[in-house]
Protein backbone atom coordinates (compact mmCIF):
# COMPACT_ATOMS: atom_id res chain seq x y z
CA MET A 1 0.00 0.00 0.00
CA ASP A 2 2.92 2.32 0.76
CA ASN A 3 4.33 1.45 -2.65
CA GLY A 4 1.08 2.60 -4.28
CA ARG A 5 1.19 5.90 -2.42
CA ASP A 6 4.81 6.43 -3.46
CA ARG A 7 3.98 5.79 -7.12
CA SER A 8 1.09 8.25 -6.92
CA LYS A 9 3.39 10.91 -5.47
CA VAL A 10 5.93 10.31 -8.26
CA VAL A 11 3.25 10.63 -10.93
CA LEU A 12 1.97 13.80 -9.32
CA TRP A 13 5.40 15.35 -9.17
CA VAL A 14 6.08 14.40 -12.79
CA ALA A 15 2.80 16.00 -13.84
CA VAL A 16 3.56 19.16 -11.86
CA LEU A 17 7.06 19.29 -13.33
CA GLY A 18 5.62 18.84 -16.83
CA VAL A 19 3.20 21.70 -16.32
CA ILE A 20 6.04 23.88 -15.07
CA ILE A 21 8.21 23.00 -18.10
CA VAL A 22 5.36 23.64 -20.55
CA ALA A 23 4.61 26.95 -18.85
CA ALA A 24 8.26 27.90 -18.96
CA LEU A 25 8.50 27.01 -22.65
CA GLY A 26 5.33 28.94 -23.35
CA ALA A 27 6.60 31.95 -21.48
CA THR A 28 9.91 31.71 -23.33
CA ALA A 29 8.16 31.46 -26.69
CA TYR A 30 5.91 34.39 -25.83
CA HIS A 31 8.94 36.38 -24.71
CA VAL A 32 10.83 35.56 -27.91
CA LEU A 33 7.88 36.46 -30.10
CA HIS A 34 7.28 39.75 -28.30
CA THR A 35 10.86 40.79 -27.62
CA THR A 36 11.65 44.30 -28.73
CA GLN A 37 14.75 44.97 -30.82
CA LYS A 38 16.48 46.62 -27.87
CA ASP A 39 15.81 43.68 -25.56
CA ALA A 40 16.80 41.15 -28.22
CA ARG A 41 20.13 42.86 -28.76
CA ILE A 42 20.81 42.94 -24.99
CA VAL A 43 20.20 39.22 -24.50
CA GLY A 44 21.77 38.19 -27.81
CA LEU A 45 18.58 37.04 -29.54
CA PRO A 46 17.88 37.54 -33.27
CA ILE A 47 16.48 41.00 -33.99
CA PRO A 48 12.77 40.89 -34.88
CA VAL A 49 11.96 42.48 -38.23
CA GLN A 50 9.34 42.34 -40.94
CA THR A 51 10.29 41.73 -44.59
CA LEU A 52 8.66 41.86 -48.01
CA PRO A 53 10.11 40.65 -51.31
CA ALA A 54 11.25 43.00 -54.08
CA LYS A 55 8.73 42.56 -56.92
CA VAL A 56 8.26 43.68 -60.50
CA GLN A 57 5.01 45.62 -60.51
CA SER A 58 3.19 48.63 -61.87
CA ILE A 59 4.14 52.06 -60.51
CA ASP A 60 2.22 55.21 -61.35
CA GLU A 61 3.34 58.73 -60.50
CA MET A 62 1.61 62.03 -61.13
CA ILE A 63 4.13 64.65 -62.26
CA GLY A 64 2.99 68.23 -61.81
CA ALA A 65 4.19 71.24 -63.79
CA SER A 66 2.99 74.75 -64.51
CA GLY A 67 3.03 76.32 -67.94
CA SER A 68 1.14 78.22 -70.59
CA THR A 69 -0.58 77.43 -73.88
CA GLN A 70 1.24 77.84 -77.18
CA PRO A 71 0.26 77.22 -80.81
CA SER A 72 0.97 73.61 -81.69
CA MET A 73 2.68 74.59 -84.96
CA PRO A 74 3.20 77.59 -87.26
CA VAL A 75 1.58 77.80 -90.71
CA ASN A 76 2.75 80.34 -93.28
CA ALA A 77 0.31 82.01 -95.68
CA THR A 78 2.22 82.79 -98.88
CA ALA A 79 1.49 84.66 -102.11
CA HIS A 80 1.04 82.55 -105.25
CA VAL A 81 0.25 85.51 -107.51
CA VAL A 82 1.85 88.87 -108.24
CA ALA A 83 -0.81 91.53 -107.76
CA ARG A 84 -1.84 94.60 -105.78
CA VAL A 85 -3.20 93.93 -102.30
CA LEU A 86 -6.80 95.08 -101.91
CA GLN A 87 -7.45 94.19 -98.26
CA VAL A 88 -5.99 92.40 -95.22
CA PRO A 89 -8.91 91.93 -92.82
CA VAL A 90 -6.82 90.35 -90.04
CA ASP A 91 -4.01 91.61 -87.83
CA VAL A 92 -1.54 90.16 -85.33
CA GLY A 93 -3.50 88.46 -82.57
CA SER A 94 -6.61 87.88 -84.65
CA ILE A 95 -8.30 84.50 -84.22
CA VAL A 96 -9.04 82.81 -87.53
CA ARG A 97 -10.83 79.65 -88.59
CA PRO A 98 -10.65 77.55 -91.76
CA LYS A 99 -11.80 79.45 -94.90
CA ASP A 100 -11.56 82.87 -93.21
CA LEU A 101 -10.25 85.53 -95.63
CA LEU A 102 -6.67 86.59 -94.81
CA VAL A 103 -5.56 88.60 -97.86
CA GLU A 104 -7.34 89.66 -101.07
CA PHE A 105 -5.46 90.67 -104.24
CA ASP A 106 -6.74 92.61 -107.25
CA PRO A 107 -8.23 89.90 -109.53
CA LYS A 108 -8.64 91.96 -112.76
CA LEU A 109 -5.59 90.62 -114.57
CA TYR A 110 -6.40 87.03 -113.62
CA LEU A 111 -10.05 87.38 -114.67
CA ALA A 112 -8.83 88.52 -118.08
CA ASN A 113 -6.30 85.69 -118.28
CA LEU A 114 -9.03 83.16 -117.50
CA ALA A 115 -11.37 84.61 -120.16
CA TYR A 116 -8.61 84.43 -122.77
CA ALA A 117 -7.67 80.88 -121.80
CA ARG A 118 -11.27 79.70 -122.03
CA ALA A 119 -11.77 81.33 -125.43
CA ASN A 120 -8.56 79.80 -126.73
CA TYR A 121 -9.57 76.39 -125.43
CA ASP A 122 -13.03 76.63 -126.98
CA HIS A 123 -11.45 77.42 -130.34
CA GLU A 124 -8.93 74.57 -130.22
CA HIS A 125 -11.51 72.11 -128.98
CA GLN A 126 -13.83 72.91 -131.88
CA GLN A 127 -10.86 72.59 -134.23
CA LEU A 128 -10.18 69.12 -132.81
CA LEU A 129 -13.77 68.05 -133.39
CA ARG A 130 -13.62 69.25 -137.04
CA THR A 131 -10.31 67.49 -137.66
CA GLU A 132 -11.59 64.20 -136.22
CA LYS A 133 -14.70 64.48 -138.45
CA LEU A 134 -12.56 65.04 -141.56
CA ALA A 135 -10.31 62.13 -140.58
CA ARG A 136 -13.30 59.80 -140.43
CA LYS A 137 -14.11 60.81 -144.05
CA GLY A 138 -10.50 60.38 -145.12
CA PHE A 139 -9.81 64.09 -145.65
CA ALA A 140 -7.35 64.52 -142.71
CA ALA A 141 -4.14 62.65 -141.90
CA PRO A 142 -3.66 60.93 -138.52
CA THR A 143 -0.88 63.42 -137.72
CA ASP A 144 -3.34 66.28 -138.13
CA VAL A 145 -5.66 64.66 -135.56
CA GLU A 146 -2.72 64.09 -133.20
CA ASN A 147 -1.60 67.73 -133.47
CA ALA A 148 -5.15 68.96 -132.82
CA ARG A 149 -5.40 66.81 -129.72
CA VAL A 150 -2.09 68.22 -128.38
CA LEU A 151 -3.32 71.80 -128.85
CA ASP A 152 -6.62 70.92 -127.19
CA ALA A 153 -4.81 69.54 -124.13
CA GLN A 154 -2.43 72.50 -123.93
CA THR A 155 -5.22 75.06 -124.02
CA TYR A 156 -7.20 73.13 -121.41
CA ASP A 157 -4.12 73.16 -119.15
CA ALA A 158 -3.97 76.93 -119.58
CA VAL A 159 -7.60 77.19 -118.43
CA VAL A 160 -6.88 75.19 -115.30
CA SER A 161 -3.80 77.31 -114.50
CA ALA A 162 -5.80 80.52 -114.98
CA GLU A 163 -8.54 79.22 -112.67
CA ILE A 164 -5.96 78.40 -109.99
CA ASP A 165 -4.37 81.84 -110.32
CA LEU A 166 -7.76 83.49 -109.92
CA THR A 167 -8.49 81.39 -106.84
CA ASN A 168 -5.13 82.44 -105.38
CA THR A 169 -6.14 86.10 -105.46
CA LYS A 170 -7.93 85.29 -102.20
CA VAL A 171 -5.75 83.79 -99.46
CA LEU A 172 -7.90 81.80 -97.03
CA SER A 173 -6.97 80.28 -93.71
CA THR A 174 -6.56 76.51 -93.71
CA VAL A 175 -6.42 76.12 -89.91
CA SER A 176 -7.92 77.37 -86.67
CA GLY A 177 -5.39 79.60 -85.00
CA VAL A 178 -4.03 83.01 -84.14
CA VAL A 179 -2.18 85.41 -86.42
CA LEU A 180 1.39 85.56 -85.13
CA SER A 181 2.87 87.94 -87.70
CA ARG A 182 1.81 90.02 -90.69
CA SER A 183 4.08 91.47 -93.38
CA VAL A 184 1.59 92.76 -95.97
CA ASN A 185 -0.62 95.84 -96.21
CA PRO A 186 -3.27 97.12 -98.65
CA GLY A 187 -1.86 98.89 -101.69
CA GLU A 188 1.37 96.88 -101.77
CA THR A 189 2.28 94.55 -104.61
CA SER A 190 3.07 91.00 -103.68
CA GLN A 191 6.01 88.90 -104.78
CA MET A 192 5.70 85.26 -105.80
CA ASP A 193 6.06 82.92 -102.77
CA GLU A 194 6.31 85.87 -100.38
CA THR A 195 5.26 85.08 -96.79
CA LEU A 196 2.24 87.25 -96.04
CA LEU A 197 1.23 86.09 -92.56
CA GLN A 198 2.16 83.42 -90.06
CA ILE A 199 -0.62 81.63 -88.17
CA GLY A 200 -0.13 79.65 -84.99
CA VAL A 201 -2.40 76.60 -84.91
CA LEU A 202 -4.68 76.60 -81.84
CA ASP A 203 -6.63 73.43 -82.59
CA PRO A 204 -4.94 71.44 -81.38
CA VAL A 205 -3.10 73.68 -78.90
CA ASP A 206 0.00 72.83 -76.84
CA MET A 207 0.47 73.36 -73.11
CA ASP A 208 4.18 74.08 -72.59
CA ALA A 209 4.66 72.57 -69.12
CA ALA A 210 7.90 73.26 -67.24
CA VAL A 211 8.85 69.87 -65.78
CA PRO A 212 11.65 69.59 -63.16
CA GLU A 213 14.82 68.10 -64.64
CA ASP A 214 14.85 65.21 -62.14
CA LYS A 215 11.68 63.90 -63.85
CA MET A 216 13.22 63.89 -67.34
CA GLY A 217 13.58 60.11 -67.35
CA TYR A 218 9.90 59.62 -66.61
CA VAL A 219 8.37 61.84 -69.32
CA TYR A 220 7.83 60.17 -72.68
CA LEU A 221 5.99 60.88 -75.93
CA GLY A 222 2.37 59.79 -75.85
CA MET A 223 2.05 59.79 -72.05
CA PRO A 224 -1.35 61.03 -70.90
CA GLY A 225 -1.76 64.42 -69.30
CA GLU A 226 -4.44 66.79 -68.16
CA VAL A 227 -4.48 70.55 -67.76
CA GLY A 228 -6.43 72.89 -65.50
CA THR A 229 -6.47 76.66 -65.92
CA ASP A 230 -7.52 79.66 -63.85
CA ALA A 231 -9.38 80.95 -66.89
CA PHE A 232 -11.71 77.92 -66.88
CA PRO A 233 -12.01 76.70 -63.27
CA GLY A 234 -13.38 73.19 -62.97
CA ARG A 235 -12.74 72.37 -66.63
CA VAL A 236 -10.09 69.74 -67.38
CA PHE A 237 -8.40 69.58 -70.78
CA LYS A 238 -6.96 66.15 -71.60
CA GLY A 239 -4.24 65.25 -74.08
CA THR A 240 -0.90 63.55 -74.56
CA VAL A 241 2.73 64.64 -74.66
CA ALA A 242 3.55 65.46 -78.30
CA LYS A 243 7.15 66.63 -77.88
CA THR A 244 9.74 67.60 -75.28
CA ASP A 245 12.58 70.11 -75.22
CA GLY A 246 16.06 68.76 -75.74
CA ILE A 247 17.64 71.21 -73.29
CA VAL A 248 17.18 72.19 -69.65
CA ASP A 249 16.68 75.82 -68.69
CA PRO A 250 19.84 76.74 -66.73
CA THR A 251 17.94 79.13 -64.48
CA THR A 252 14.82 77.16 -63.54
CA ARG A 253 16.34 73.67 -64.05
CA THR A 254 13.21 72.62 -65.95
CA PHE A 255 12.50 71.40 -69.47
CA GLY A 256 9.42 71.82 -71.64
CA ALA A 257 6.94 68.99 -72.12
CA TYR A 258 4.28 69.93 -74.68
CA ILE A 259 0.86 68.43 -73.98
CA ARG A 260 -1.29 68.52 -77.12
CA LEU A 261 -4.92 69.38 -76.33
CA SER A 262 -8.07 69.42 -78.42
CA ASN A 263 -9.38 72.99 -78.62
CA ARG A 264 -12.21 72.99 -81.14
CA ASP A 265 -14.01 75.94 -79.57
CA LEU A 266 -10.71 77.88 -79.42
CA SER A 267 -11.37 78.70 -75.79
CA LEU A 268 -7.66 78.26 -75.01
CA LYS A 269 -5.91 81.26 -76.48
CA LYS A 270 -2.15 81.71 -76.79
CA GLY A 271 -0.54 82.38 -73.40
CA VAL A 272 -3.26 81.00 -71.07
CA THR A 273 -1.52 79.81 -67.89
CA GLY A 274 -2.37 76.56 -66.18
CA TYR A 275 -1.16 73.56 -64.25
CA ALA A 276 -0.46 70.25 -65.94
CA ARG A 277 -0.50 66.76 -64.45
CA LEU A 278 1.34 64.00 -66.30
CA LEU A 279 0.67 60.36 -65.42
CA SER A 280 3.88 58.33 -65.66
CA HIS A 281 3.23 54.58 -65.81
CA ARG A 282 6.06 52.10 -65.45
CA ILE A 283 6.49 48.35 -64.92
CA ALA A 284 9.55 48.07 -62.70
CA LEU A 285 11.21 46.37 -59.75
CA ALA A 286 9.88 48.00 -56.58
CA VAL A 287 9.87 47.69 -52.80
CA ALA A 288 7.76 49.20 -50.07
CA SER A 289 8.81 52.80 -49.57
CA THR A 290 9.21 52.21 -45.83
CA ALA A 291 12.22 50.01 -46.61
CA ILE A 292 14.28 52.88 -48.02
CA MET A 293 16.82 54.48 -45.66
CA ASN A 294 19.47 57.15 -46.07
CA PRO A 295 21.80 56.43 -43.16
CA VAL A 296 25.00 57.34 -45.01
CA GLY A 297 24.60 60.77 -46.49
CA ASP A 298 22.29 61.06 -49.45
CA ARG A 299 22.70 57.47 -50.68
CA ALA A 300 19.57 55.35 -50.43
CA THR A 301 20.03 51.98 -48.68
CA VAL A 302 17.99 48.98 -47.59
CA PHE A 303 18.56 45.91 -45.42
CA VAL A 304 18.37 42.61 -47.31
CA VAL A 305 17.85 39.37 -45.35
CA ASP A 306 19.71 36.34 -46.71
CA THR A 307 18.79 32.65 -46.38
CA ALA A 308 20.80 32.43 -43.15
CA ASN A 309 18.62 35.16 -41.61
CA ARG A 310 21.39 37.73 -41.67
CA ALA A 311 20.59 41.36 -42.51
CA HIS A 312 22.97 43.09 -44.94
CA LEU A 313 23.03 46.80 -45.67
CA ARG A 314 22.72 47.35 -49.43
CA GLN A 315 23.00 50.60 -51.40
CA VAL A 316 20.28 51.06 -54.05
CA ARG A 317 19.38 53.57 -56.74
CA THR A 318 15.75 54.64 -56.62
CA GLY A 319 13.33 55.97 -59.21
CA LEU A 320 9.60 56.70 -59.08
CA SER A 321 7.92 56.70 -55.70
CA ASN A 322 4.14 56.57 -55.34
CA GLY A 323 1.37 54.63 -53.62
CA GLY A 324 3.68 53.25 -50.94
CA LEU A 325 6.08 51.81 -53.53
CA THR A 326 9.53 52.95 -54.66
CA GLU A 327 11.12 51.91 -57.94
CA ILE A 328 14.55 50.27 -57.64
CA LEU A 329 16.80 51.03 -60.59
CA SER A 330 19.80 49.09 -59.30
CA GLY A 331 21.03 47.28 -56.20
CA LEU A 332 18.32 44.62 -55.77
CA LYS A 333 17.07 41.50 -57.55
CA GLU A 334 13.51 40.33 -57.82
CA GLY A 335 12.52 38.10 -54.90
CA GLU A 336 15.13 39.33 -52.41
CA GLN A 337 13.66 39.84 -48.94
CA VAL A 338 13.88 43.48 -47.85
CA VAL A 339 13.32 44.69 -44.29
CA VAL A 340 10.33 47.04 -44.27
CA MET A 341 9.88 47.40 -40.48
CA GLY A 342 12.48 47.39 -37.76
CA GLN A 343 15.40 48.32 -40.00
CA PHE A 344 16.43 51.58 -38.35
CA ASP A 345 18.01 49.87 -35.33
CA LEU A 346 19.70 47.16 -37.39
CA GLN A 347 23.38 46.85 -38.02
CA ASP A 348 25.05 45.16 -40.96
CA ASN A 349 25.23 41.36 -40.56
CA ASP A 350 22.77 41.27 -37.61
CA ARG A 351 20.94 38.00 -37.02
CA VAL A 352 17.25 38.64 -37.55
CA ARG A 353 13.97 36.87 -37.09
CA VAL A 354 11.07 37.68 -39.38
CA ASN A 355 8.31 38.31 -36.89
CA GLN A 356 4.82 39.19 -38.07
CA SER A 357 3.80 39.63 -34.40
CA ALA A 358 6.44 42.24 -33.62
CA PRO A 359 5.41 45.12 -31.35
CA TRP A 360 5.29 47.66 -34.22
CA ASN A 361 2.72 45.52 -35.99
CA LYS A 362 0.29 45.80 -33.07
CA SER A 363 -2.53 48.28 -33.46
């Protein structure tokens, strides 16, 4: 009976000891899981951190720039006749639309030329018809018919040329735009191919946006943009980048990005100021922006955790940054684990433990 009591005591003590050991292990595990970085470093435990892999993903950034509207291209109105100028109903700054009259020349000479050409053609055409009729009866040689046909064609060409010359006595606008310069006045005599006016095209119109030079690598032809102006509050003009300047302004350190906008109602005149937003879209290697540190001057660095759970300080070159992501241009490979929380107290080659239950993750 005493032996039974002794065995019971042994079992009881073993059970109590087991509970104590389990409790101790549980407490140790809880302590390890909830150890702060400072405490972990003191007792020589791995430093708790949180990591995320570097991934290739989409990054969008809105680039802002102020600017003003400019004609999208110049168009020269030239003289195709030599004649006296009767009227110039537009001046510098005038808004013109297609088929608006720009310059009118004296048409008298060209009306007379057209009348003569038509009369000459009528005569030669009738002569051709008579020659063909005689040839059918055997009274005209084939060469006579051929010569009559040549004269008929030549006189018809003269009619067409005279009609074109008469049309050119009125210079009409071919575009919607603004008159940028004028070099002709009533009473003057034009010269062939002389530039009479220059028109800046306003439909479409360009917004010349001054973009900071550090964004030069992110602006590309065809990228979407939108423009807001003080002149039209609440109205957004949308377009795409049609061209960029090849030089940077040495004073402002900006370059011009020209956003081409539809402007059918010509509401945007030359020189209207506004603010442009360009959406840069890239597919690139990126990490969470919280991972980026600058502990050594102005060089961006991150901590990368290797397969042995060691954290290594790595210098990187960054690009776009938006939506909590930062583009990595160099210094990382896809899939590498980067410390995104807990990195500011790390040292190079520290042992770490990826801990999703770390204190900084607690709300």
